[in-house]
Protein backbone atom coordinates (compact mmCIF):
# COMPACT_ATOMS: atom_id res chain seq x y z
CA MET A 1 0.00 0.05 0.02
CA PHE A 2 1.36 3.32 -1.13
CA ASN A 3 0.22 6.68 0.78
CA GLY A 4 0.61 10.30 -0.60
CA GLU A 5 -0.68 13.49 -0.27
CA VAL A 6 -1.02 16.87 -2.22
CA ILE A 7 -0.81 19.67 0.39
CA ALA A 8 -0.25 22.55 -2.00
CA ASN A 9 -1.18 23.44 -5.66
CA GLY A 10 0.91 26.47 -6.05
CA ASN A 11 -2.17 28.40 -7.19
CA ALA A 12 -2.62 26.06 -10.21
CA ALA A 13 -4.93 23.26 -10.84
CA VAL A 14 -3.89 19.58 -9.92
CA THR A 15 -5.00 17.73 -12.60
CA ALA A 16 -3.59 14.35 -11.92
CA ARG A 17 -1.96 12.81 -8.78
CA GLY A 18 -0.64 9.19 -8.11
CA PHE A 19 2.81 7.37 -8.45
CA TRP A 20 5.35 6.18 -11.14
CA ILE A 21 6.80 2.88 -10.45
CA GLY A 22 10.18 1.84 -12.25
CA PHE A 23 11.47 -1.76 -12.25
CA THR A 24 14.81 -1.06 -14.11
CA PRO A 25 17.78 0.48 -12.96
CA ASN A 26 17.15 3.60 -15.08
CA PRO A 27 13.63 3.96 -15.33
CA SER A 28 11.83 6.15 -18.05
CA ILE A 29 8.24 6.85 -18.71
CA ASN A 30 8.48 4.13 -21.50
CA ASN A 31 9.18 1.22 -19.07
CA ALA A 32 7.68 2.25 -16.01
CA ALA A 33 3.87 2.02 -14.60
CA VAL A 34 1.90 5.16 -13.79
CA ILE A 35 -0.90 4.56 -11.29
CA ASN A 36 -3.17 7.79 -11.52
CA VAL A 37 -5.59 8.37 -8.69
CA GLY A 38 -7.56 11.30 -9.39
CA ALA A 39 -6.91 15.19 -9.21
CA GLY A 40 -7.15 17.87 -6.67
CA THR A 41 -5.23 18.21 -3.24
CA GLY A 42 -5.77 15.87 -0.48
CA ALA A 43 -4.56 12.44 0.73
CA PHE A 44 -4.85 9.32 -1.30
CA THR A 45 -3.64 5.67 -1.11
CA VAL A 46 -3.24 3.11 -3.66
CA ASN A 47 -3.30 -0.87 -3.09
CA VAL A 48 -0.67 -2.52 -5.31
CA ILE A 49 -0.65 -5.99 -5.59
CA GLY A 50 1.59 -8.67 -7.19
CA MET A 51 4.96 -6.90 -6.65
CA SER A 52 7.86 -9.09 -5.26
CA ALA A 53 9.51 -8.39 -1.92
CA TYR A 54 13.02 -8.86 -3.53
CA THR A 55 12.47 -6.89 -6.54
CA PRO A 56 14.54 -3.20 -6.60
CA THR A 57 11.71 -0.78 -7.37
CA LEU A 58 11.70 3.09 -8.02
CA LEU A 59 8.59 4.81 -6.41
CA LEU A 60 7.86 8.34 -7.04
CA MET A 61 4.81 10.42 -6.14
CA CYS A 62 3.65 12.41 -9.06
């Protein structure tokens, strides 16, 4: 389970929020998974299943 929160919008609309997950040493948008969980400010949670406990993973909140 991943948790995130958008606490400020910089006076602009938050049109998307979520997580970007890469499974390679140098992930790019072409070989990563993007999990979009809506828009706007506030807290959000994503349940991710099927990930191995021993797989190196890069997780970024976007």
